[in-house]
Amino acid sequence: MTQDKKDWPLWEVFIRSKQGLNHKHVGSLRAADSTMAVENARDVYTRRQEGISIWVVPSNLITASDPSDEESLFEPSASKVYRHPTFYDVPDGISHM
């Protein structure tokens, strides 16, 4: 039983670079299963040996917020000024803040 490539599930690919601590979304691809998705992601997205870790996630398992919900999702944090230390005096001699 073979499955046509266009029927393969869509996978989102995240790569962790040698210089980074976090994985970054680099693209999408179709693959029959997770093993094939990792192998294809390696071949497509790390050709220059820039990655040290690959994550693949089925696209249909990702839940995202709706951009039109931006105000209701992010406005509450804007009213909490204590989370943003912009009004504190920085002592002399501290240059890395």
C-alpha atoms as a PDB file:
ATOM      1  CA  MET A   1       0.000   0.000   0.000  1.00  0.00           C
ATOM      2  CA  THR A   2       1.740   3.130  -1.175  1.00  0.00           C
ATOM      3  CA  GLN A   3       0.604   6.584  -0.387  1.00  0.00           C
ATOM      4  CA  ASP A   4       0.843   9.403  -2.899  1.00  0.00           C
ATOM      5  CA  LYS A   5       3.343  12.060  -1.740  1.00  0.00           C
ATOM      6  CA  LYS A   6       0.704  14.793  -1.913  1.00  0.00           C
ATOM      7  CA  ASP A   7      -1.288  12.833   0.704  1.00  0.00           C
ATOM      8  CA  TRP A   8       1.619  12.715   3.166  1.00  0.00           C
ATOM      9  CA  PRO A   9       1.116  14.850   6.265  1.00  0.00           C
ATOM     10  CA  LEU A  10       2.686  18.291   6.472  1.00  0.00           C
ATOM     11  CA  TRP A  11       5.439  18.695   9.084  1.00  0.00           C
ATOM     12  CA  GLU A  12       6.810  21.930  10.571  1.00  0.00           C
ATOM     13  CA  VAL A  13      10.597  21.908  10.959  1.00  0.00           C
ATOM     14  CA  PHE A  14      12.561  23.571  13.768  1.00  0.00           C
ATOM     15  CA  ILE A  15      16.382  23.675  13.815  1.00  0.00           C
ATOM     16  CA  ARG A  16      18.702  24.522  16.695  1.00  0.00           C
ATOM     17  CA  SER A  17      21.854  26.149  15.373  1.00  0.00           C
ATOM     18  CA  LYS A  18      25.309  25.623  16.812  1.00  0.00           C
ATOM     19  CA  GLN A  19      25.283  29.165  18.174  1.00  0.00           C
ATOM     20  CA  GLY A  20      21.727  29.142  19.519  1.00  0.00           C
ATOM     21  CA  LEU A  21      19.958  27.814  22.573  1.00  0.00           C
ATOM     22  CA  ASN A  22      16.525  27.656  21.022  1.00  0.00           C
ATOM     23  CA  HIS A  23      14.997  25.964  18.018  1.00  0.00           C
ATOM     24  CA  LYS A  24      13.763  28.220  15.190  1.00  0.00           C
ATOM     25  CA  HIS A  25      11.118  27.450  12.640  1.00  0.00           C
ATOM     26  CA  VAL A  26      12.803  27.052   9.272  1.00  0.00           C
ATOM     27  CA  GLY A  27      10.052  25.687   7.072  1.00  0.00           C
ATOM     28  CA  SER A  28       7.667  22.883   6.267  1.00  0.00           C
ATOM     29  CA  LEU A  29       7.827  19.628   4.363  1.00  0.00           C
ATOM     30  CA  ARG A  30       5.754  16.558   3.603  1.00  0.00           C
ATOM     31  CA  ALA A  31       6.807  13.121   4.837  1.00  0.00           C
ATOM     32  CA  ALA A  32       5.146   9.775   5.437  1.00  0.00           C
ATOM     33  CA  ASP A  33       6.228   9.575   9.099  1.00  0.00           C
ATOM     34  CA  SER A  34       8.360  11.316  11.740  1.00  0.00           C
ATOM     35  CA  THR A  35      11.542   9.412  10.856  1.00  0.00           C
ATOM     36  CA  MET A  36      11.284  10.416   7.224  1.00  0.00           C
ATOM     37  CA  ALA A  37      10.456  13.990   8.283  1.00  0.00           C
ATOM     38  CA  VAL A  38      13.656  14.247  10.374  1.00  0.00           C
ATOM     39  CA  GLU A  39      15.763  12.769   7.566  1.00  0.00           C
ATOM     40  CA  ASN A  40      14.230  15.062   4.951  1.00  0.00           C
ATOM     41  CA  ALA A  41      14.590  18.079   7.253  1.00  0.00           C
ATOM     42  CA  ARG A  42      18.269  17.251   7.710  1.00  0.00           C
ATOM     43  CA  ASP A  43      18.756  17.038   3.944  1.00  0.00           C
ATOM     44  CA  VAL A  44      16.779  20.177   3.111  1.00  0.00           C
ATOM     45  CA  TYR A  45      17.464  22.550   6.009  1.00  0.00           C
ATOM     46  CA  THR A  46      20.961  21.650   7.303  1.00  0.00           C
ATOM     47  CA  ARG A  47      22.991  21.274   4.125  1.00  0.00           C
ATOM     48  CA  ARG A  48      25.805  23.438   5.493  1.00  0.00           C
ATOM     49  CA  GLN A  49      26.023  21.574   8.830  1.00  0.00           C
ATOM     50  CA  GLU A  50      24.631  24.568  10.696  1.00  0.00           C
ATOM     51  CA  GLY A  51      22.266  22.597  12.919  1.00  0.00           C
ATOM     52  CA  ILE A  52      22.779  20.432  15.979  1.00  0.00           C
ATOM     53  CA  SER A  53      19.174  19.439  16.660  1.00  0.00           C
ATOM     54  CA  ILE A  54      16.038  18.992  14.562  1.00  0.00           C
ATOM     55  CA  TRP A  55      12.440  18.977  15.726  1.00  0.00           C
ATOM     56  CA  VAL A  56       9.570  18.004  13.446  1.00  0.00           C
ATOM     57  CA  VAL A  57       5.952  18.517  14.442  1.00  0.00           C
ATOM     58  CA  PRO A  58       2.854  17.506  12.498  1.00  0.00           C
ATOM     59  CA  SER A  59       1.277  20.767  11.349  1.00  0.00           C
ATOM     60  CA  ASN A  60      -2.196  19.615  12.275  1.00  0.00           C
ATOM     61  CA  LEU A  61      -1.135  19.359  15.953  1.00  0.00           C
ATOM     62  CA  ILE A  62      -0.098  23.026  16.211  1.00  0.00           C
ATOM     63  CA  THR A  63      -2.604  25.409  17.721  1.00  0.00           C
ATOM     64  CA  ALA A  64      -2.106  29.101  17.105  1.00  0.00           C
ATOM     65  CA  SER A  65      -3.819  32.246  18.266  1.00  0.00           C
ATOM     66  CA  ASP A  66      -5.780  34.323  15.804  1.00  0.00           C
ATOM     67  CA  PRO A  67      -4.051  37.619  14.960  1.00  0.00           C
ATOM     68  CA  SER A  68      -7.393  39.376  15.452  1.00  0.00           C
ATOM     69  CA  ASP A  69      -7.260  38.320  19.144  1.00  0.00           C
ATOM     70  CA  GLU A  70      -4.048  40.295  19.681  1.00  0.00           C
ATOM     71  CA  GLU A  71      -5.635  42.944  21.888  1.00  0.00           C
ATOM     72  CA  SER A  72      -7.368  40.542  24.258  1.00  0.00           C
ATOM     73  CA  LEU A  73      -4.296  38.289  24.509  1.00  0.00           C
ATOM     74  CA  PHE A  74      -1.540  40.849  24.956  1.00  0.00           C
ATOM     75  CA  GLU A  75      -3.173  43.995  26.350  1.00  0.00           C
ATOM     76  CA  PRO A  76      -3.321  42.735  29.980  1.00  0.00           C
ATOM     77  CA  SER A  77       0.492  42.560  30.161  1.00  0.00           C
ATOM     78  CA  ALA A  78       0.847  46.163  28.961  1.00  0.00           C
ATOM     79  CA  SER A  79      -1.003  47.442  32.036  1.00  0.00           C
ATOM     80  CA  LYS A  80       1.541  45.855  34.398  1.00  0.00           C
ATOM     81  CA  VAL A  81       4.302  48.458  34.307  1.00  0.00           C
ATOM     82  CA  TYR A  82       6.296  46.683  37.001  1.00  0.00           C
ATOM     83  CA  ARG A  83       7.163  44.010  34.424  1.00  0.00           C
ATOM     84  CA  HIS A  84       9.067  46.595  32.390  1.00  0.00           C
ATOM     85  CA  PRO A  85      11.958  48.109  34.357  1.00  0.00           C
ATOM     86  CA  THR A  86      12.133  51.201  32.167  1.00  0.00           C
ATOM     87  CA  PHE A  87      11.493  53.641  35.015  1.00  0.00           C
ATOM     88  CA  TYR A  88      14.295  52.452  37.311  1.00  0.00           C
ATOM     89  CA  ASP A  89      17.505  54.464  37.660  1.00  0.00           C
ATOM     90  CA  VAL A  90      20.542  52.500  36.540  1.00  0.00           C
ATOM     91  CA  PRO A  91      23.587  53.143  38.747  1.00  0.00           C
ATOM     92  CA  ASP A  92      26.715  54.570  37.157  1.00  0.00           C
ATOM     93  CA  GLY A  93      29.218  51.965  36.054  1.00  0.00           C
ATOM     94  CA  ILE A  94      26.620  49.432  34.886  1.00  0.00           C
ATOM     95  CA  SER A  95      26.827  49.312  31.134  1.00  0.00           C
ATOM     96  CA  HIS A  96      25.243  45.993  30.175  1.00  0.00           C
ATOM     97  CA  MET A  97      21.596  46.652  30.867  1.00  0.00           C
END
